[in-house]
Amino acid sequence: MSIFQPKQDFQSLFKSNSFPTIDGLRALTRTAQMLFEMTLMKFDTYSLIEANAFLGPFCFVLFILLIVFICLNMFISIINDNFRRARENSCVDKEILSFMLTKFLRWTGLKKASELEIQEERDSQMRSQYFDPIETFPHRMDQLCEAINRLYINQKTEV
């Protein structure tokens, strides 16, 4: 069952012969538009009451309750999922905050860097200058394939 199933059920209910006097319910697209307007509360309920005194308000209230219930459940599940992710990433956030605070304090001159920190920073800068052989492997393999291809083509042209 999809999340659009209740809306499709209400489309067929509203489009049925229960509300023959409402012009907007003659086509399925107009019915869908009217139901969308109902979720936005931009709808005249008097036309439903005039069409059918009991079924009109009943279907309207039932539709609003179901759609609001579905939308609220989706909203709450999205918020719950994001809170779970935030709790999982809290240690990473603490590291980022610590790094930013240390950089800010050094930049303002409120904290001087120790010799060990200066050496670690130089080491990280030096390591960043060298390439990891695993990262350059695909590029090197492409170069090897191109060289073999050129040799093969050169041998074919000589023969």
N, C-alpha and C. Protein backbone atom coordinates (compact mmCIF):
# COMPACT_ATOMS: atom_id res chain seq x y z
N MET A 1 0.84 -1.18 0.00
CA MET A 1 0.00 0.00 0.00
C MET A 1 0.89 1.24 0.00
N SER A 2 0.67 2.12 -0.92
CA SER A 2 1.49 3.32 -1.01
C SER A 2 0.89 4.44 -0.16
N ILE A 3 1.66 5.51 0.00
CA ILE A 3 1.16 6.63 0.78
C ILE A 3 0.08 7.40 0.03
N PHE A 4 -0.03 7.17 -1.28
CA PHE A 4 -1.02 7.87 -2.08
C PHE A 4 -2.33 7.09 -2.16
N GLN A 5 -2.40 5.91 -1.59
CA GLN A 5 -3.60 5.08 -1.67
C GLN A 5 -4.82 5.76 -1.04
N PRO A 6 -4.71 6.37 0.15
CA PRO A 6 -5.92 7.03 0.69
C PRO A 6 -6.42 8.15 -0.21
N LYS A 7 -5.50 8.89 -0.82
CA LYS A 7 -5.93 9.98 -1.70
C LYS A 7 -6.63 9.40 -2.93
N GLN A 8 -6.12 8.27 -3.46
CA GLN A 8 -6.76 7.66 -4.61
C GLN A 8 -8.14 7.13 -4.24
N ASP A 9 -8.27 6.57 -3.04
CA ASP A 9 -9.58 6.09 -2.60
C ASP A 9 -10.56 7.25 -2.48
N PHE A 10 -10.10 8.35 -1.93
CA PHE A 10 -10.99 9.51 -1.81
C PHE A 10 -11.32 10.11 -3.17
N GLN A 11 -10.38 10.02 -4.12
CA GLN A 11 -10.68 10.51 -5.46
C GLN A 11 -11.83 9.71 -6.06
N SER A 12 -11.76 8.40 -5.91
CA SER A 12 -12.84 7.59 -6.47
C SER A 12 -14.16 7.82 -5.73
N LEU A 13 -14.09 8.06 -4.41
CA LEU A 13 -15.30 8.34 -3.65
C LEU A 13 -15.91 9.68 -4.06
N PHE A 14 -15.08 10.71 -4.14
CA PHE A 14 -15.59 12.03 -4.49
C PHE A 14 -16.06 12.07 -5.94
N LYS A 15 -15.41 11.29 -6.82
CA LYS A 15 -15.78 11.30 -8.23
C LYS A 15 -17.04 10.47 -8.48
N SER A 16 -17.41 9.63 -7.53
CA SER A 16 -18.56 8.75 -7.73
C SER A 16 -19.86 9.56 -7.79
N ASN A 17 -20.94 8.88 -7.87
CA ASN A 17 -22.25 9.52 -8.02
C ASN A 17 -22.76 10.14 -6.72
N SER A 18 -21.99 10.09 -5.65
CA SER A 18 -22.44 10.67 -4.40
C SER A 18 -22.53 12.18 -4.47
N PHE A 19 -21.70 12.80 -5.31
CA PHE A 19 -21.65 14.25 -5.42
C PHE A 19 -21.83 14.66 -6.89
N PRO A 20 -22.98 14.40 -7.49
CA PRO A 20 -23.13 14.70 -8.92
C PRO A 20 -23.29 16.19 -9.22
N THR A 21 -23.61 17.00 -8.23
CA THR A 21 -23.88 18.41 -8.50
C THR A 21 -22.63 19.27 -8.46
N ILE A 22 -21.53 18.77 -7.98
CA ILE A 22 -20.31 19.57 -7.90
C ILE A 22 -19.57 19.45 -9.22
N ASP A 23 -19.36 20.59 -9.90
CA ASP A 23 -18.74 20.59 -11.22
C ASP A 23 -17.28 20.13 -11.18
N GLY A 24 -16.59 20.43 -10.11
CA GLY A 24 -15.17 20.10 -10.03
C GLY A 24 -14.89 18.62 -9.92
N LEU A 25 -15.92 17.80 -9.72
CA LEU A 25 -15.71 16.37 -9.51
C LEU A 25 -16.04 15.54 -10.74
N ARG A 26 -16.24 16.17 -11.86
CA ARG A 26 -16.59 15.42 -13.06
C ARG A 26 -15.38 14.72 -13.67
N ALA A 27 -14.20 15.29 -13.55
CA ALA A 27 -12.98 14.68 -14.09
C ALA A 27 -12.06 14.30 -12.94
N LEU A 28 -11.25 13.29 -13.17
CA LEU A 28 -10.34 12.80 -12.12
C LEU A 28 -9.29 13.84 -11.76
N THR A 29 -8.81 14.59 -12.74
CA THR A 29 -7.79 15.61 -12.45
C THR A 29 -8.39 16.75 -11.63
N ARG A 30 -9.62 17.14 -11.93
CA ARG A 30 -10.27 18.19 -11.14
C ARG A 30 -10.53 17.71 -9.71
N THR A 31 -10.86 16.42 -9.58
CA THR A 31 -11.06 15.85 -8.25
C THR A 31 -9.76 15.88 -7.45
N ALA A 32 -8.65 15.50 -8.10
CA ALA A 32 -7.35 15.52 -7.43
C ALA A 32 -6.98 16.95 -7.03
N GLN A 33 -7.29 17.90 -7.90
CA GLN A 33 -7.00 19.31 -7.58
C GLN A 33 -7.84 19.76 -6.38
N MET A 34 -9.11 19.37 -6.36
CA MET A 34 -9.96 19.76 -5.25
C MET A 34 -9.48 19.14 -3.93
N LEU A 35 -9.03 17.88 -3.97
CA LEU A 35 -8.53 17.23 -2.76
C LEU A 35 -7.24 17.89 -2.29
N PHE A 36 -6.39 18.29 -3.22
CA PHE A 36 -5.16 19.00 -2.85
C PHE A 36 -5.49 20.34 -2.20
N GLU A 37 -6.48 21.04 -2.76
CA GLU A 37 -6.92 22.30 -2.16
C GLU A 37 -7.51 22.06 -0.78
N MET A 38 -8.16 20.94 -0.59
CA MET A 38 -8.71 20.63 0.73
C MET A 38 -7.60 20.46 1.76
N THR A 39 -6.47 19.84 1.36
CA THR A 39 -5.36 19.69 2.31
C THR A 39 -4.74 21.02 2.66
N LEU A 40 -4.84 22.00 1.76
CA LEU A 40 -4.31 23.34 2.02
C LEU A 40 -5.33 24.24 2.70
N MET A 41 -6.52 23.70 2.95
CA MET A 41 -7.63 24.43 3.56
C MET A 41 -8.08 25.62 2.70
N LYS A 42 -7.96 25.49 1.41
CA LYS A 42 -8.45 26.51 0.48
C LYS A 42 -9.64 25.93 -0.28
N PHE A 43 -10.69 25.63 0.44
CA PHE A 43 -11.80 24.95 -0.19
C PHE A 43 -13.11 25.43 0.43
N ASP A 44 -14.13 25.52 -0.38
CA ASP A 44 -15.45 25.92 0.07
C ASP A 44 -16.24 24.67 0.43
N THR A 45 -16.48 24.48 1.70
CA THR A 45 -17.18 23.28 2.16
C THR A 45 -18.68 23.35 1.92
N TYR A 46 -19.18 24.53 1.63
CA TYR A 46 -20.63 24.65 1.41
C TYR A 46 -21.09 23.87 0.19
N SER A 47 -20.24 23.77 -0.83
CA SER A 47 -20.64 22.99 -2.01
C SER A 47 -20.77 21.51 -1.66
N LEU A 48 -19.92 21.00 -0.77
CA LEU A 48 -20.06 19.60 -0.34
C LEU A 48 -21.32 19.41 0.49
N ILE A 49 -21.64 20.38 1.34
CA ILE A 49 -22.84 20.27 2.17
C ILE A 49 -24.09 20.32 1.29
N GLU A 50 -24.08 21.18 0.27
CA GLU A 50 -25.24 21.28 -0.63
C GLU A 50 -25.40 20.01 -1.45
N ALA A 51 -24.29 19.36 -1.82
CA ALA A 51 -24.38 18.15 -2.63
C ALA A 51 -24.97 16.98 -1.84
N ASN A 52 -24.51 16.82 -0.60
CA ASN A 52 -25.02 15.73 0.23
C ASN A 52 -24.83 16.18 1.68
N ALA A 53 -25.92 16.31 2.40
CA ALA A 53 -25.88 16.92 3.74
C ALA A 53 -25.07 16.08 4.74
N PHE A 54 -25.11 14.77 4.64
CA PHE A 54 -24.35 13.96 5.58
C PHE A 54 -23.01 13.52 5.01
N LEU A 55 -23.04 12.97 3.80
CA LEU A 55 -21.83 12.38 3.21
C LEU A 55 -20.77 13.41 2.89
N GLY A 56 -21.17 14.62 2.53
CA GLY A 56 -20.20 15.67 2.19
C GLY A 56 -19.30 16.04 3.37
N PRO A 57 -19.87 16.49 4.49
CA PRO A 57 -19.02 16.81 5.64
C PRO A 57 -18.30 15.59 6.21
N PHE A 58 -18.95 14.43 6.18
CA PHE A 58 -18.31 13.22 6.69
C PHE A 58 -17.05 12.88 5.89
N CYS A 59 -17.17 12.91 4.56
CA CYS A 59 -16.00 12.61 3.71
C CYS A 59 -14.93 13.68 3.87
N PHE A 60 -15.36 14.92 4.00
CA PHE A 60 -14.39 16.01 4.17
C PHE A 60 -13.59 15.82 5.45
N VAL A 61 -14.26 15.56 6.56
CA VAL A 61 -13.58 15.38 7.85
C VAL A 61 -12.71 14.13 7.82
N LEU A 62 -13.22 13.05 7.24
CA LEU A 62 -12.45 11.82 7.16
C LEU A 62 -11.18 12.02 6.31
N PHE A 63 -11.32 12.70 5.20
CA PHE A 63 -10.16 12.95 4.33
C PHE A 63 -9.13 13.80 5.06
N ILE A 64 -9.54 14.88 5.68
CA ILE A 64 -8.61 15.77 6.38
C ILE A 64 -7.91 15.02 7.50
N LEU A 65 -8.65 14.24 8.29
CA LEU A 65 -8.02 13.50 9.40
C LEU A 65 -6.99 12.49 8.89
N LEU A 66 -7.34 11.76 7.85
CA LEU A 66 -6.39 10.77 7.33
C LEU A 66 -5.15 11.41 6.72
N ILE A 67 -5.34 12.45 5.94
CA ILE A 67 -4.19 13.10 5.30
C ILE A 67 -3.31 13.77 6.34
N VAL A 68 -3.91 14.44 7.30
CA VAL A 68 -3.12 15.07 8.36
C VAL A 68 -2.38 14.00 9.16
N PHE A 69 -3.03 12.89 9.46
CA PHE A 69 -2.39 11.80 10.18
C PHE A 69 -1.19 11.26 9.41
N ILE A 70 -1.34 11.05 8.12
CA ILE A 70 -0.25 10.53 7.29
C ILE A 70 0.88 11.54 7.20
N CYS A 71 0.55 12.80 6.96
CA CYS A 71 1.59 13.83 6.85
C CYS A 71 2.32 14.03 8.17
N LEU A 72 1.61 14.01 9.29
CA LEU A 72 2.27 14.15 10.59
C LEU A 72 3.17 12.96 10.88
N ASN A 73 2.73 11.76 10.53
CA ASN A 73 3.59 10.59 10.72
C ASN A 73 4.87 10.69 9.91
N MET A 74 4.75 11.13 8.66
CA MET A 74 5.95 11.30 7.84
C MET A 74 6.87 12.36 8.43
N PHE A 75 6.30 13.47 8.87
CA PHE A 75 7.08 14.56 9.45
C PHE A 75 7.81 14.10 10.71
N ILE A 76 7.10 13.40 11.57
CA ILE A 76 7.71 12.92 12.82
C ILE A 76 8.79 11.88 12.53
N SER A 77 8.58 11.01 11.56
CA SER A 77 9.59 10.00 11.25
C SER A 77 10.84 10.65 10.65
N ILE A 78 10.69 11.69 9.86
CA ILE A 78 11.84 12.39 9.31
C ILE A 78 12.63 13.06 10.42
N ILE A 79 11.93 13.72 11.33
CA ILE A 79 12.62 14.38 12.45
C ILE A 79 13.30 13.34 13.34
N ASN A 80 12.64 12.23 13.61
CA ASN A 80 13.22 11.18 14.44
C ASN A 80 14.47 10.60 13.80
N ASP A 81 14.45 10.37 12.50
CA ASP A 81 15.62 9.85 11.80
C ASP A 81 16.78 10.82 11.86
N ASN A 82 16.50 12.10 11.70
CA ASN A 82 17.57 13.10 11.75
C ASN A 82 18.14 13.25 13.15
N PHE A 83 17.31 13.14 14.19
CA PHE A 83 17.83 13.17 15.56
C PHE A 83 18.73 11.97 15.82
N ARG A 84 18.35 10.80 15.29
CA ARG A 84 19.18 9.61 15.46
C ARG A 84 20.54 9.81 14.80
N ARG A 85 20.54 10.35 13.60
CA ARG A 85 21.81 10.63 12.90
C ARG A 85 22.64 11.65 13.65
N ALA A 86 21.99 12.65 14.23
CA ALA A 86 22.73 13.67 14.99
C ALA A 86 23.38 13.06 16.22
N ARG A 87 22.68 12.15 16.89
CA ARG A 87 23.28 11.50 18.05
C ARG A 87 24.47 10.65 17.66
N GLU A 88 24.40 9.97 16.51
CA GLU A 88 25.51 9.15 16.05
C GLU A 88 26.74 10.00 15.70
N ASN A 89 26.52 11.20 15.19
CA ASN A 89 27.62 12.06 14.76
C ASN A 89 28.07 13.03 15.82
N SER A 90 27.64 12.87 17.06
CA SER A 90 27.99 13.84 18.10
C SER A 90 29.48 13.86 18.39
N CYS A 91 30.17 12.70 18.32
CA CYS A 91 31.61 12.69 18.59
C CYS A 91 32.36 13.41 17.48
N VAL A 92 31.90 13.32 16.25
CA VAL A 92 32.53 14.03 15.14
C VAL A 92 32.34 15.54 15.33
N ASP A 93 31.17 15.93 15.79
CA ASP A 93 30.91 17.35 16.02
C ASP A 93 31.82 17.91 17.11
N LYS A 94 32.08 17.11 18.14
CA LYS A 94 32.97 17.56 19.21
C LYS A 94 34.39 17.76 18.69
N GLU A 95 34.84 16.88 17.81
CA GLU A 95 36.18 17.02 17.22
C GLU A 95 36.26 18.27 16.36
N ILE A 96 35.22 18.52 15.58
CA ILE A 96 35.20 19.70 14.72
C ILE A 96 35.20 20.97 15.57
N LEU A 97 34.39 20.99 16.62
CA LEU A 97 34.34 22.15 17.50
C LEU A 97 35.68 22.39 18.18
N SER A 98 36.31 21.33 18.64
CA SER A 98 37.63 21.45 19.27
C SER A 98 38.66 21.99 18.28
N PHE A 99 38.64 21.49 17.06
CA PHE A 99 39.57 21.97 16.03
C PHE A 99 39.35 23.45 15.74
N MET A 100 38.08 23.84 15.58
CA MET A 100 37.78 25.24 15.27
C MET A 100 38.17 26.16 16.42
N LEU A 101 37.91 25.74 17.65
CA LEU A 101 38.26 26.54 18.81
C LEU A 101 39.78 26.70 18.92
N THR A 102 40.52 25.64 18.71
CA THR A 102 41.98 25.71 18.76
C THR A 102 42.51 26.65 17.69
N LYS A 103 42.01 26.54 16.47
CA LYS A 103 42.46 27.43 15.39
C LYS A 103 42.13 28.88 15.70
N PHE A 104 40.93 29.12 16.25
CA PHE A 104 40.53 30.49 16.58
C PHE A 104 41.43 31.07 17.67
N LEU A 105 41.71 30.27 18.71
CA LEU A 105 42.56 30.75 19.79
C LEU A 105 43.98 31.03 19.31
N ARG A 106 44.48 30.21 18.41
CA ARG A 106 45.81 30.48 17.84
C ARG A 106 45.79 31.72 16.97
N TRP A 107 44.73 31.90 16.20
CA TRP A 107 44.64 33.04 15.29
C TRP A 107 44.56 34.35 16.07
N THR A 108 43.84 34.34 17.19
CA THR A 108 43.72 35.55 18.00
C THR A 108 44.93 35.77 18.89
N GLY A 109 45.78 34.76 19.03
CA GLY A 109 46.96 34.90 19.86
C GLY A 109 46.71 34.60 21.31
N LEU A 110 45.57 34.09 21.66
CA LEU A 110 45.26 33.77 23.05
C LEU A 110 45.92 32.46 23.50
N LYS A 111 46.28 31.62 22.52
CA LYS A 111 46.93 30.36 22.86
C LYS A 111 48.09 30.15 21.90
N LYS A 112 49.23 29.86 22.45
CA LYS A 112 50.42 29.59 21.65
C LYS A 112 50.50 28.08 21.39
N ALA A 113 50.96 27.74 20.20
CA ALA A 113 51.11 26.33 19.84
C ALA A 113 52.36 25.76 20.49
N SER A 114 52.24 24.52 20.99
CA SER A 114 53.39 23.87 21.59
C SER A 114 54.27 23.31 20.47
N GLU A 115 55.48 22.91 20.83
CA GLU A 115 56.42 22.36 19.84
C GLU A 115 55.86 21.08 19.21
N LEU A 116 55.20 20.26 20.01
CA LEU A 116 54.62 19.03 19.49
C LEU A 116 53.53 19.33 18.46
N GLU A 117 52.66 20.30 18.75
CA GLU A 117 51.60 20.67 17.81
C GLU A 117 52.17 21.25 16.52
N ILE A 118 53.23 22.07 16.64
CA ILE A 118 53.87 22.64 15.45
C ILE A 118 54.46 21.52 14.60
N GLN A 119 55.12 20.54 15.25
CA GLN A 119 55.71 19.42 14.52
C GLN A 119 54.64 18.57 13.84
N GLU A 120 53.53 18.32 14.52
CA GLU A 120 52.43 17.55 13.93
C GLU A 120 51.85 18.27 12.72
N GLU A 121 51.73 19.58 12.80
CA GLU A 121 51.20 20.35 11.67
C GLU A 121 52.14 20.29 10.48
N ARG A 122 53.44 20.39 10.73
CA ARG A 122 54.43 20.28 9.64
C ARG A 122 54.39 18.89 9.02
N ASP A 123 54.26 17.87 9.87
CA ASP A 123 54.18 16.50 9.34
C ASP A 123 52.96 16.31 8.45
N SER A 124 51.83 16.84 8.88
CA SER A 124 50.62 16.69 8.06
C SER A 124 50.74 17.45 6.74
N GLN A 125 51.40 18.61 6.76
CA GLN A 125 51.62 19.35 5.52
C GLN A 125 52.55 18.57 4.60
N MET A 126 53.58 17.95 5.16
CA MET A 126 54.53 17.19 4.36
C MET A 126 53.86 15.95 3.77
N ARG A 127 53.01 15.27 4.57
CA ARG A 127 52.31 14.09 4.07
C ARG A 127 51.33 14.44 2.96
N SER A 128 50.74 15.61 3.03
CA SER A 128 49.76 15.99 2.01
C SER A 128 50.43 16.26 0.67
N GLN A 129 51.74 16.50 0.66
CA GLN A 129 52.45 16.76 -0.60
C GLN A 129 52.69 15.47 -1.38
N TYR A 130 52.76 14.34 -0.69
CA TYR A 130 53.02 13.07 -1.36
C TYR A 130 51.70 12.38 -1.68
N PHE A 131 51.73 11.64 -2.78
CA PHE A 131 50.52 10.95 -3.22
C PHE A 131 50.48 9.55 -2.65
N ASP A 132 49.31 9.11 -2.39
CA ASP A 132 49.09 7.74 -1.96
C ASP A 132 49.14 6.87 -3.22
N PRO A 133 49.96 5.80 -3.25
CA PRO A 133 50.06 4.99 -4.46
C PRO A 133 48.73 4.34 -4.86
N ILE A 134 47.87 4.07 -3.91
CA ILE A 134 46.58 3.46 -4.23
C ILE A 134 45.70 4.44 -5.00
N GLU A 135 45.79 5.71 -4.66
CA GLU A 135 44.96 6.71 -5.34
C GLU A 135 45.40 6.91 -6.78
N THR A 136 46.68 6.77 -7.06
CA THR A 136 47.18 6.99 -8.42
C THR A 136 47.17 5.72 -9.26
N PHE A 137 46.80 4.58 -8.68
CA PHE A 137 46.81 3.31 -9.40
C PHE A 137 45.92 3.31 -10.64
N PRO A 138 44.68 3.77 -10.59
CA PRO A 138 43.85 3.75 -11.80
C PRO A 138 44.44 4.60 -12.93
N HIS A 139 45.01 5.73 -12.59
CA HIS A 139 45.62 6.59 -13.62
C HIS A 139 46.83 5.89 -14.24
N ARG A 140 47.62 5.25 -13.41
CA ARG A 140 48.80 4.52 -13.92
C ARG A 140 48.38 3.35 -14.81
N MET A 141 47.32 2.67 -14.45
CA MET A 141 46.84 1.55 -15.28
C MET A 141 46.34 2.06 -16.63
N ASP A 142 45.69 3.21 -16.64
CA ASP A 142 45.25 3.81 -17.91
C ASP A 142 46.46 4.14 -18.78
N GLN A 143 47.50 4.68 -18.17
CA GLN A 143 48.71 5.00 -18.92
C GLN A 143 49.34 3.72 -19.50
N LEU A 144 49.38 2.65 -18.71
CA LEU A 144 49.94 1.39 -19.18
C LEU A 144 49.13 0.84 -20.35
N CYS A 145 47.82 0.88 -20.25
CA CYS A 145 46.96 0.38 -21.34
C CYS A 145 47.15 1.20 -22.61
N GLU A 146 47.27 2.51 -22.47
CA GLU A 146 47.51 3.36 -23.64
C GLU A 146 48.85 3.05 -24.28
N ALA A 147 49.88 2.81 -23.47
CA ALA A 147 51.21 2.49 -24.01
C ALA A 147 51.18 1.15 -24.73
N ILE A 148 50.52 0.14 -24.16
CA ILE A 148 50.41 -1.17 -24.82
C ILE A 148 49.62 -1.04 -26.11
N ASN A 149 48.57 -0.24 -26.10
CA ASN A 149 47.77 -0.03 -27.30
C ASN A 149 48.60 0.63 -28.40
N ARG A 150 49.42 1.63 -28.04
CA ARG A 150 50.27 2.29 -29.03
C ARG A 150 51.29 1.31 -29.61
N LEU A 151 51.89 0.46 -28.76
CA LEU A 151 52.84 -0.54 -29.25
C LEU A 151 52.17 -1.50 -30.21
N TYR A 152 50.98 -1.94 -29.86
CA TYR A 152 50.24 -2.89 -30.71
C TYR A 152 49.91 -2.25 -32.05
N ILE A 153 49.47 -1.01 -32.03
CA ILE A 153 49.13 -0.31 -33.29
C ILE A 153 50.40 -0.09 -34.13
N ASN A 154 51.51 0.28 -33.49
CA ASN A 154 52.77 0.48 -34.21
C ASN A 154 53.26 -0.82 -34.84
N GLN A 155 53.10 -1.95 -34.14
CA GLN A 155 53.52 -3.23 -34.70
C GLN A 155 52.65 -3.62 -35.89
N LYS A 156 51.35 -3.30 -35.82
CA LYS A 156 50.44 -3.63 -36.93
C LYS A 156 50.78 -2.80 -38.16
N THR A 157 51.14 -1.54 -37.96
CA THR A 157 51.45 -0.68 -39.11
C THR A 157 52.78 -1.08 -39.76
N GLU A 158 53.73 -1.64 -39.01
CA GLU A 158 55.01 -2.07 -39.56
C GLU A 158 54.86 -3.33 -40.35
N VAL A 159 53.92 -4.18 -40.01
CA VAL A 159 53.74 -5.46 -40.69
C VAL A 159 52.96 -5.29 -41.93
